[in-house]
Amino acid sequence: MADGTMSSNRDASLEARRLARWGMDQPPIRTAAEAAAYVDDVGILLLFGDAKASFPSLREVARDENAAMLPAGWGEDLERVWTWKDQFPVEGAAWCGRFLMGRQSLLSPRMLQCLYPGDGAESDFESVELSDTATRVARHLHDHGPTSMRTLRSVHGLDSRASQRILTELGRALVVTNFGTAQDGPGWASGVIELTTRAFSLQAGPPLPDRQRLAATQFVDTMVETNARELGRALRWSRADAERTLDELIAARTLRQMNCGTTLM
């Protein structure tokens, strides 16, 4: 019983420290400049949070219970988040796609540079292990430029479920990013996607282990405290890579080992 109570107290303490780190005790973000600065600060976040508060969330940090309601039935605060999601990749302020847990996520340009596995060439997708359909979609973007999902569904014969599956596959591999919207049919505007390598300048940087250490340091800073399992799952690394990277950062005195994980020095 005592061990269970101690574990519960630790979990509650970590959650409280994470929520404080993520600015949940601050006034809601209301401007694009504030939102871009927030993405740059935390490095990696979900667009919409979950019940467990697993990661920081742009929606939650911008949630404003006093926001005016729009005729469409939602508040101005949600409308702002949807606008930023489409706006930031076009401006180069943040990558947006299905990365964390296969859900809509944002990465700061610095974090994207650390996590992107290729050389930054437009043809990088050719060396990524993708399904045939995902490869065809990537080639379509390579040949035709930014394209709406409505067009991609029509050209490649994708239903709604298949298109979401392909977006998840391409997003988790960091091959594509959201890239604005297009009013190319009836109803709501259709989301546009583009090759990550064309939307962002991904120049050859430090060797992969150096980039992994930078990414892990940002992740630990954002999560306050973490372990190899959480790090590997979030960044799509093997358990061995996650453990090696944390061990190297501990040895370099960038991180320190705690009872249940690692944290910044």
C-alpha atoms as a PDB file:
ATOM      1  CA  MET A   1       0.000   0.000   0.000  1.00  0.00           C
ATOM      2  CA  ALA A   2       2.806   2.364   0.896  1.00  0.00           C
ATOM      3  CA  ASP A   3       4.577   1.693  -2.395  1.00  0.00           C
ATOM      4  CA  GLY A   4       1.357   2.342  -4.307  1.00  0.00           C
ATOM      5  CA  THR A   5       0.788   5.615  -2.481  1.00  0.00           C
ATOM      6  CA  MET A   6       4.346   6.754  -3.155  1.00  0.00           C
ATOM      7  CA  SER A   7       3.985   5.909  -6.855  1.00  0.00           C
ATOM      8  CA  SER A   8       0.685   7.775  -7.049  1.00  0.00           C
ATOM      9  CA  ASN A   9       2.219  10.806  -5.353  1.00  0.00           C
ATOM     10  CA  ARG A  10       5.169  10.750  -7.763  1.00  0.00           C
ATOM     11  CA  ASP A  11       2.828  10.583 -10.754  1.00  0.00           C
ATOM     12  CA  ALA A  12       0.741  13.478  -9.452  1.00  0.00           C
ATOM     13  CA  SER A  13       3.853  15.547  -8.754  1.00  0.00           C
ATOM     14  CA  LEU A  14       5.275  14.913 -12.230  1.00  0.00           C
ATOM     15  CA  GLU A  15       1.967  15.788 -13.873  1.00  0.00           C
ATOM     16  CA  ALA A  16       1.796  19.051 -11.924  1.00  0.00           C
ATOM     17  CA  ARG A  17       5.364  19.949 -12.885  1.00  0.00           C
ATOM     18  CA  ARG A  18       4.691  19.128 -16.524  1.00  0.00           C
ATOM     19  CA  LEU A  19       1.542  21.228 -16.652  1.00  0.00           C
ATOM     20  CA  ALA A  20       3.468  24.127 -15.148  1.00  0.00           C
ATOM     21  CA  ARG A  21       6.277  23.667 -17.699  1.00  0.00           C
ATOM     22  CA  TRP A  22       3.682  23.656 -20.484  1.00  0.00           C
ATOM     23  CA  GLY A  23       2.223  26.976 -19.340  1.00  0.00           C
ATOM     24  CA  MET A  24      -1.148  25.638 -18.290  1.00  0.00           C
ATOM     25  CA  ASP A  25      -1.115  27.992 -15.294  1.00  0.00           C
ATOM     26  CA  GLN A  26      -0.644  31.012 -17.584  1.00  0.00           C
ATOM     27  CA  PRO A  27      -3.225  33.120 -19.478  1.00  0.00           C
ATOM     28  CA  PRO A  28      -4.307  31.493 -22.752  1.00  0.00           C
ATOM     29  CA  ILE A  29      -2.266  32.111 -25.891  1.00  0.00           C
ATOM     30  CA  ARG A  30      -4.195  34.353 -28.254  1.00  0.00           C
ATOM     31  CA  THR A  31      -1.857  35.495 -31.028  1.00  0.00           C
ATOM     32  CA  ALA A  32       0.078  33.727 -33.766  1.00  0.00           C
ATOM     33  CA  ALA A  33       3.325  35.220 -32.455  1.00  0.00           C
ATOM     34  CA  GLU A  34       2.652  33.799 -28.980  1.00  0.00           C
ATOM     35  CA  ALA A  35       1.751  30.417 -30.444  1.00  0.00           C
ATOM     36  CA  ALA A  36       4.892  30.275 -32.619  1.00  0.00           C
ATOM     37  CA  ALA A  37       7.042  31.189 -29.614  1.00  0.00           C
ATOM     38  CA  TYR A  38       5.353  28.430 -27.608  1.00  0.00           C
ATOM     39  CA  VAL A  39       6.092  25.832 -30.288  1.00  0.00           C
ATOM     40  CA  ASP A  40       9.703  26.979 -30.383  1.00  0.00           C
ATOM     41  CA  ASP A  41       9.914  26.697 -26.588  1.00  0.00           C
ATOM     42  CA  VAL A  42       8.503  23.189 -26.118  1.00  0.00           C
ATOM     43  CA  GLY A  43       9.789  21.836 -29.433  1.00  0.00           C
ATOM     44  CA  ILE A  44       7.282  19.008 -29.797  1.00  0.00           C
ATOM     45  CA  LEU A  45       3.571  18.984 -28.960  1.00  0.00           C
ATOM     46  CA  LEU A  46       0.154  17.691 -29.931  1.00  0.00           C
ATOM     47  CA  LEU A  47      -2.374  19.851 -31.718  1.00  0.00           C
ATOM     48  CA  PHE A  48      -5.118  18.475 -29.457  1.00  0.00           C
ATOM     49  CA  GLY A  49      -4.322  16.999 -26.051  1.00  0.00           C
ATOM     50  CA  ASP A  50      -5.614  13.805 -24.482  1.00  0.00           C
ATOM     51  CA  ALA A  51      -7.171  12.978 -21.128  1.00  0.00           C
ATOM     52  CA  LYS A  52      -3.818  11.843 -19.711  1.00  0.00           C
ATOM     53  CA  ALA A  53      -2.046  15.103 -20.618  1.00  0.00           C
ATOM     54  CA  SER A  54       0.630  12.962 -22.261  1.00  0.00           C
ATOM     55  CA  PHE A  55       2.249  15.882 -24.092  1.00  0.00           C
ATOM     56  CA  PRO A  56       1.838  19.647 -24.334  1.00  0.00           C
ATOM     57  CA  SER A  57      -1.051  20.674 -26.570  1.00  0.00           C
ATOM     58  CA  LEU A  58      -1.556  23.835 -28.599  1.00  0.00           C
ATOM     59  CA  ARG A  59      -5.313  23.554 -28.178  1.00  0.00           C
ATOM     60  CA  GLU A  60      -5.078  23.341 -24.406  1.00  0.00           C
ATOM     61  CA  VAL A  61      -2.605  26.183 -23.985  1.00  0.00           C
ATOM     62  CA  ALA A  62      -4.831  28.353 -26.206  1.00  0.00           C
ATOM     63  CA  ARG A  63      -8.111  27.272 -24.609  1.00  0.00           C
ATOM     64  CA  ASP A  64     -10.056  30.368 -23.545  1.00  0.00           C
ATOM     65  CA  GLU A  65     -13.347  29.810 -21.756  1.00  0.00           C
ATOM     66  CA  ASN A  66     -14.195  33.488 -22.298  1.00  0.00           C
ATOM     67  CA  ALA A  67     -13.719  33.382 -26.078  1.00  0.00           C
ATOM     68  CA  ALA A  68     -16.653  34.539 -28.178  1.00  0.00           C
ATOM     69  CA  MET A  69     -18.662  31.835 -29.916  1.00  0.00           C
ATOM     70  CA  LEU A  70     -18.780  31.866 -33.706  1.00  0.00           C
ATOM     71  CA  PRO A  71     -21.848  31.104 -35.872  1.00  0.00           C
ATOM     72  CA  ALA A  72     -20.240  27.775 -36.818  1.00  0.00           C
ATOM     73  CA  GLY A  73     -20.719  26.610 -33.225  1.00  0.00           C
ATOM     74  CA  TRP A  74     -17.209  26.807 -31.798  1.00  0.00           C
ATOM     75  CA  GLY A  75     -15.213  29.515 -30.086  1.00  0.00           C
ATOM     76  CA  GLU A  76     -12.734  31.989 -31.480  1.00  0.00           C
ATOM     77  CA  ASP A  77     -10.022  30.200 -29.492  1.00  0.00           C
ATOM     78  CA  LEU A  78     -10.519  26.963 -31.473  1.00  0.00           C
ATOM     79  CA  GLU A  79     -10.717  28.914 -34.722  1.00  0.00           C
ATOM     80  CA  ARG A  80      -7.319  30.448 -33.962  1.00  0.00           C
ATOM     81  CA  VAL A  81      -5.768  27.013 -33.376  1.00  0.00           C
ATOM     82  CA  TRP A  82      -7.097  25.717 -36.708  1.00  0.00           C
ATOM     83  CA  THR A  83      -5.684  28.791 -38.449  1.00  0.00           C
ATOM     84  CA  TRP A  84      -2.235  28.370 -36.862  1.00  0.00           C
ATOM     85  CA  LYS A  85      -2.160  24.680 -37.831  1.00  0.00           C
ATOM     86  CA  ASP A  86      -2.514  25.628 -41.491  1.00  0.00           C
ATOM     87  CA  GLN A  87      -0.490  28.845 -41.328  1.00  0.00           C
ATOM     88  CA  PHE A  88       2.671  27.822 -39.495  1.00  0.00           C
ATOM     89  CA  PRO A  89       4.080  25.261 -41.979  1.00  0.00           C
ATOM     90  CA  VAL A  90       3.575  27.702 -44.873  1.00  0.00           C
ATOM     91  CA  GLU A  91       5.495  30.345 -42.927  1.00  0.00           C
ATOM     92  CA  GLY A  92       8.186  27.897 -41.797  1.00  0.00           C
ATOM     93  CA  ALA A  93       7.255  28.500 -38.158  1.00  0.00           C
ATOM     94  CA  ALA A  94       6.397  24.869 -37.348  1.00  0.00           C
ATOM     95  CA  TRP A  95       6.071  21.474 -39.007  1.00  0.00           C
ATOM     96  CA  CYS A  96       2.588  19.985 -38.644  1.00  0.00           C
ATOM     97  CA  GLY A  97       1.506  16.419 -39.314  1.00  0.00           C
ATOM     98  CA  ARG A  98       0.715  13.067 -37.751  1.00  0.00           C
ATOM     99  CA  PHE A  99       3.794  12.304 -35.671  1.00  0.00           C
ATOM    100  CA  LEU A 100       3.272  11.839 -31.916  1.00  0.00           C
ATOM    101  CA  MET A 101       1.173   8.713 -31.417  1.00  0.00           C
ATOM    102  CA  GLY A 102       0.056   9.091 -35.037  1.00  0.00           C
ATOM    103  CA  ARG A 103      -1.897  12.224 -34.100  1.00  0.00           C
ATOM    104  CA  GLN A 104      -1.714  15.796 -35.379  1.00  0.00           C
ATOM    105  CA  SER A 105       1.476  17.243 -33.916  1.00  0.00           C
ATOM    106  CA  LEU A 106       3.720  20.263 -34.273  1.00  0.00           C
ATOM    107  CA  LEU A 107       7.517  20.356 -34.278  1.00  0.00           C
ATOM    108  CA  SER A 108       9.649  23.456 -34.049  1.00  0.00           C
ATOM    109  CA  PRO A 109      12.047  23.891 -36.981  1.00  0.00           C
ATOM    110  CA  ARG A 110      14.956  23.087 -34.632  1.00  0.00           C
ATOM    111  CA  MET A 111      13.329  19.866 -33.460  1.00  0.00           C
ATOM    112  CA  LEU A 112      12.448  18.927 -37.032  1.00  0.00           C
ATOM    113  CA  GLN A 113      16.092  19.389 -38.055  1.00  0.00           C
ATOM    114  CA  CYS A 114      17.141  17.061 -35.227  1.00  0.00           C
ATOM    115  CA  LEU A 115      14.577  14.358 -36.014  1.00  0.00           C
ATOM    116  CA  TYR A 116      14.505  14.396 -39.809  1.00  0.00           C
ATOM    117  CA  PRO A 117      16.331  11.221 -40.915  1.00  0.00           C
ATOM    118  CA  GLY A 118      17.293  12.171 -44.486  1.00  0.00           C
ATOM    119  CA  ASP A 119      19.692  14.572 -46.192  1.00  0.00           C
ATOM    120  CA  GLY A 120      17.069  17.182 -47.048  1.00  0.00           C
ATOM    121  CA  ALA A 121      16.768  16.256 -50.733  1.00  0.00           C
ATOM    122  CA  GLU A 122      13.339  16.362 -52.367  1.00  0.00           C
ATOM    123  CA  SER A 123      13.738  12.682 -53.264  1.00  0.00           C
ATOM    124  CA  ASP A 124      14.453  11.573 -49.667  1.00  0.00           C
ATOM    125  CA  PHE A 125      11.105   9.773 -49.540  1.00  0.00           C
ATOM    126  CA  GLU A 126      12.427   7.236 -52.056  1.00  0.00           C
ATOM    127  CA  SER A 127      14.765   5.824 -49.384  1.00  0.00           C
ATOM    128  CA  VAL A 128      12.061   5.624 -46.686  1.00  0.00           C
ATOM    129  CA  GLU A 129      10.263   2.328 -46.114  1.00  0.00           C
ATOM    130  CA  LEU A 130       6.721   3.231 -47.169  1.00  0.00           C
ATOM    131  CA  SER A 131       3.720   1.384 -48.536  1.00  0.00           C
ATOM    132  CA  ASP A 132       3.199   1.534 -52.297  1.00  0.00           C
ATOM    133  CA  THR A 133       0.305   3.960 -51.932  1.00  0.00           C
ATOM    134  CA  ALA A 134       2.216   6.285 -49.601  1.00  0.00           C
ATOM    135  CA  THR A 135       5.128   6.297 -52.048  1.00  0.00           C
ATOM    136  CA  ARG A 136       2.773   7.183 -54.917  1.00  0.00           C
ATOM    137  CA  VAL A 137       1.351  10.082 -52.920  1.00  0.00           C
ATOM    138  CA  ALA A 138       4.859  11.344 -52.102  1.00  0.00           C
ATOM    139  CA  ARG A 139       5.817  11.107 -55.784  1.00  0.00           C
ATOM    140  CA  HIS A 140       2.704  13.044 -56.703  1.00  0.00           C
ATOM    141  CA  LEU A 141       3.802  15.852 -54.382  1.00  0.00           C
ATOM    142  CA  HIS A 142       7.334  15.658 -55.772  1.00  0.00           C
ATOM    143  CA  ASP A 143       6.050  16.017 -59.346  1.00  0.00           C
ATOM    144  CA  HIS A 144       3.126  18.409 -58.830  1.00  0.00           C
ATOM    145  CA  GLY A 145       3.889  20.398 -55.677  1.00  0.00           C
ATOM    146  CA  PRO A 146       1.537  21.092 -52.755  1.00  0.00           C
ATOM    147  CA  THR A 147      -1.721  19.220 -53.309  1.00  0.00           C
ATOM    148  CA  SER A 148      -5.061  19.136 -51.530  1.00  0.00           C
ATOM    149  CA  MET A 149      -6.245  15.937 -49.922  1.00  0.00           C
ATOM    150  CA  ARG A 150      -9.394  16.147 -52.012  1.00  0.00           C
ATOM    151  CA  THR A 151      -7.279  15.921 -55.158  1.00  0.00           C
ATOM    152  CA  LEU A 152      -5.059  13.153 -53.776  1.00  0.00           C
ATOM    153  CA  ARG A 153      -8.092  11.086 -52.779  1.00  0.00           C
ATOM    154  CA  SER A 154      -9.518  11.466 -56.270  1.00  0.00           C
ATOM    155  CA  VAL A 155      -6.290  10.768 -58.180  1.00  0.00           C
ATOM    156  CA  HIS A 156      -5.220   7.790 -56.059  1.00  0.00           C
ATOM    157  CA  GLY A 157      -8.638   6.316 -55.314  1.00  0.00           C
ATOM    158  CA  LEU A 158      -8.471   6.790 -51.559  1.00  0.00           C
ATOM    159  CA  ASP A 159     -11.494   6.721 -49.286  1.00  0.00           C
ATOM    160  CA  SER A 160     -11.509   8.697 -46.051  1.00  0.00           C
ATOM    161  CA  ARG A 161     -10.078   5.887 -43.924  1.00  0.00           C
ATOM    162  CA  ALA A 162      -7.303   5.080 -46.405  1.00  0.00           C
ATOM    163  CA  SER A 163      -6.310   8.726 -46.763  1.00  0.00           C
ATOM    164  CA  GLN A 164      -6.021   9.102 -42.983  1.00  0.00           C
ATOM    165  CA  ARG A 165      -3.881   5.971 -42.839  1.00  0.00           C
ATOM    166  CA  ILE A 166      -1.573   7.331 -45.544  1.00  0.00           C
ATOM    167  CA  LEU A 167      -1.320  10.718 -43.812  1.00  0.00           C
ATOM    168  CA  THR A 168      -0.320   8.943 -40.609  1.00  0.00           C
ATOM    169  CA  GLU A 169       2.284   6.832 -42.398  1.00  0.00           C
ATOM    170  CA  LEU A 170       3.811   9.827 -44.181  1.00  0.00           C
ATOM    171  CA  GLY A 171       3.606  12.027 -41.097  1.00  0.00           C
ATOM    172  CA  ARG A 172       5.301   9.580 -38.761  1.00  0.00           C
ATOM    173  CA  ALA A 173       8.132   9.304 -41.294  1.00  0.00           C
ATOM    174  CA  LEU A 174       8.285  13.138 -41.470  1.00  0.00           C
ATOM    175  CA  VAL A 175       7.905  12.912 -45.256  1.00  0.00           C
ATOM    176  CA  VAL A 176       5.032  15.421 -45.534  1.00  0.00           C
ATOM    177  CA  THR A 177       3.666  18.387 -43.633  1.00  0.00           C
ATOM    178  CA  ASN A 178       0.352  20.209 -43.613  1.00  0.00           C
ATOM    179  CA  PHE A 179       0.625  23.177 -45.960  1.00  0.00           C
ATOM    180  CA  GLY A 180      -2.433  25.412 -45.805  1.00  0.00           C
ATOM    181  CA  THR A 181      -5.831  24.755 -47.356  1.00  0.00           C
ATOM    182  CA  ALA A 182      -7.470  24.919 -50.784  1.00  0.00           C
ATOM    183  CA  GLN A 183     -11.076  25.679 -51.660  1.00  0.00           C
ATOM    184  CA  ASP A 184     -11.111  23.234 -54.574  1.00  0.00           C
ATOM    185  CA  GLY A 185     -14.589  21.812 -54.172  1.00  0.00           C
ATOM    186  CA  PRO A 186     -17.895  22.206 -52.356  1.00  0.00           C
ATOM    187  CA  GLY A 187     -18.099  22.468 -48.572  1.00  0.00           C
ATOM    188  CA  TRP A 188     -15.147  22.969 -46.259  1.00  0.00           C
ATOM    189  CA  ALA A 189     -11.735  23.889 -47.627  1.00  0.00           C
ATOM    190  CA  SER A 190      -9.503  20.861 -48.137  1.00  0.00           C
ATOM    191  CA  GLY A 191      -6.218  20.470 -46.293  1.00  0.00           C
ATOM    192  CA  VAL A 192      -3.100  20.697 -48.449  1.00  0.00           C
ATOM    193  CA  ILE A 193       0.082  18.691 -47.884  1.00  0.00           C
ATOM    194  CA  GLU A 194       3.614  19.212 -49.151  1.00  0.00           C
ATOM    195  CA  LEU A 195       6.947  17.411 -48.955  1.00  0.00           C
ATOM    196  CA  THR A 196       8.692  18.364 -45.733  1.00  0.00           C
ATOM    197  CA  THR A 197      11.948  18.904 -47.611  1.00  0.00           C
ATOM    198  CA  ARG A 198      10.381  21.593 -49.806  1.00  0.00           C
ATOM    199  CA  ALA A 199       8.496  23.316 -47.005  1.00  0.00           C
ATOM    200  CA  PHE A 200      11.564  23.549 -44.736  1.00  0.00           C
ATOM    201  CA  SER A 201      15.253  24.095 -45.336  1.00  0.00           C
ATOM    202  CA  LEU A 202      16.761  20.876 -44.003  1.00  0.00           C
ATOM    203  CA  GLN A 203      20.429  21.303 -44.643  1.00  0.00           C
ATOM    204  CA  ALA A 204      22.947  18.641 -43.752  1.00  0.00           C
ATOM    205  CA  GLY A 205      23.658  19.071 -40.062  1.00  0.00           C
ATOM    206  CA  PRO A 206      25.647  17.296 -37.371  1.00  0.00           C
ATOM    207  CA  PRO A 207      25.914  13.479 -37.406  1.00  0.00           C
ATOM    208  CA  LEU A 208      22.803  11.586 -36.355  1.00  0.00           C
ATOM    209  CA  PRO A 209      24.011  10.790 -32.791  1.00  0.00           C
ATOM    210  CA  ASP A 210      24.639  14.510 -32.169  1.00  0.00           C
ATOM    211  CA  ARG A 211      21.178  15.389 -33.480  1.00  0.00           C
ATOM    212  CA  GLN A 212      19.636  12.677 -31.325  1.00  0.00           C
ATOM    213  CA  ARG A 213      21.312  14.133 -28.236  1.00  0.00           C
ATOM    214  CA  LEU A 214      19.936  17.578 -29.091  1.00  0.00           C
ATOM    215  CA  ALA A 215      16.446  16.165 -29.646  1.00  0.00           C
ATOM    216  CA  ALA A 216      16.573  14.172 -26.404  1.00  0.00           C
ATOM    217  CA  THR A 217      17.708  17.225 -24.429  1.00  0.00           C
ATOM    218  CA  GLN A 218      14.781  19.241 -25.782  1.00  0.00           C
ATOM    219  CA  PHE A 219      12.407  16.367 -25.043  1.00  0.00           C
ATOM    220  CA  VAL A 220      13.606  16.030 -21.442  1.00  0.00           C
ATOM    221  CA  ASP A 221      13.317  19.783 -20.961  1.00  0.00           C
ATOM    222  CA  THR A 222       9.744  19.708 -22.271  1.00  0.00           C
ATOM    223  CA  MET A 223       8.688  16.584 -20.360  1.00  0.00           C
ATOM    224  CA  VAL A 224      10.528  17.622 -17.154  1.00  0.00           C
ATOM    225  CA  GLU A 225      11.474  13.997 -16.504  1.00  0.00           C
ATOM    226  CA  THR A 226      11.462  10.999 -18.826  1.00  0.00           C
ATOM    227  CA  ASN A 227      12.840   7.523 -19.458  1.00  0.00           C
ATOM    228  CA  ALA A 228      14.060   5.557 -22.472  1.00  0.00           C
ATOM    229  CA  ARG A 229      10.677   3.931 -23.100  1.00  0.00           C
ATOM    230  CA  GLU A 230       8.810   7.255 -23.241  1.00  0.00           C
ATOM    231  CA  LEU A 231      11.552   8.920 -25.291  1.00  0.00           C
ATOM    232  CA  GLY A 232      11.698   6.068 -27.797  1.00  0.00           C
ATOM    233  CA  ARG A 233       7.935   5.873 -28.253  1.00  0.00           C
ATOM    234  CA  ALA A 234       7.574   9.628 -28.725  1.00  0.00           C
ATOM    235  CA  LEU A 235      10.447  10.125 -31.175  1.00  0.00           C
ATOM    236  CA  ARG A 236      10.105   6.724 -32.891  1.00  0.00           C
ATOM    237  CA  TRP A 237      13.542   5.538 -31.830  1.00  0.00           C
ATOM    238  CA  SER A 238      14.541   2.028 -30.893  1.00  0.00           C
ATOM    239  CA  ARG A 239      14.818   1.317 -27.180  1.00  0.00           C
ATOM    240  CA  ALA A 240      18.574   0.840 -27.683  1.00  0.00           C
ATOM    241  CA  ASP A 241      18.974   4.269 -29.320  1.00  0.00           C
ATOM    242  CA  ALA A 242      16.924   5.943 -26.606  1.00  0.00           C
ATOM    243  CA  GLU A 243      18.902   4.288 -23.803  1.00  0.00           C
ATOM    244  CA  ARG A 244      22.243   5.051 -25.468  1.00  0.00           C
ATOM    245  CA  THR A 245      21.346   8.702 -25.988  1.00  0.00           C
ATOM    246  CA  LEU A 246      20.192   9.207 -22.392  1.00  0.00           C
ATOM    247  CA  ASP A 247      23.300   7.446 -21.069  1.00  0.00           C
ATOM    248  CA  GLU A 248      25.531   9.719 -23.175  1.00  0.00           C
ATOM    249  CA  LEU A 249      23.770  12.828 -21.894  1.00  0.00           C
ATOM    250  CA  ILE A 250      24.073  11.618 -18.299  1.00  0.00           C
ATOM    251  CA  ALA A 251      27.783  10.948 -18.814  1.00  0.00           C
ATOM    252  CA  ALA A 252      28.178  14.450 -20.300  1.00  0.00           C
ATOM    253  CA  ARG A 253      26.383  15.866 -17.235  1.00  0.00           C
ATOM    254  CA  THR A 254      23.649  17.361 -19.411  1.00  0.00           C
ATOM    255  CA  LEU A 255      21.107  15.128 -17.651  1.00  0.00           C
ATOM    256  CA  ARG A 256      21.019  13.499 -14.263  1.00  0.00           C
ATOM    257  CA  GLN A 257      19.537  10.161 -13.311  1.00  0.00           C
ATOM    258  CA  MET A 258      16.552  10.208 -10.971  1.00  0.00           C
ATOM    259  CA  ASN A 259      14.810   7.279  -9.289  1.00  0.00           C
ATOM    260  CA  CYS A 260      12.179   7.018 -12.022  1.00  0.00           C
ATOM    261  CA  GLY A 261      13.806   8.737 -14.998  1.00  0.00           C
ATOM    262  CA  THR A 262      16.163  11.431 -16.154  1.00  0.00           C
ATOM    263  CA  THR A 263      15.929  15.210 -15.899  1.00  0.00           C
ATOM    264  CA  LEU A 264      18.049  18.214 -16.808  1.00  0.00           C
ATOM    265  CA  MET A 265      21.009  19.078 -14.598  1.00  0.00           C
END
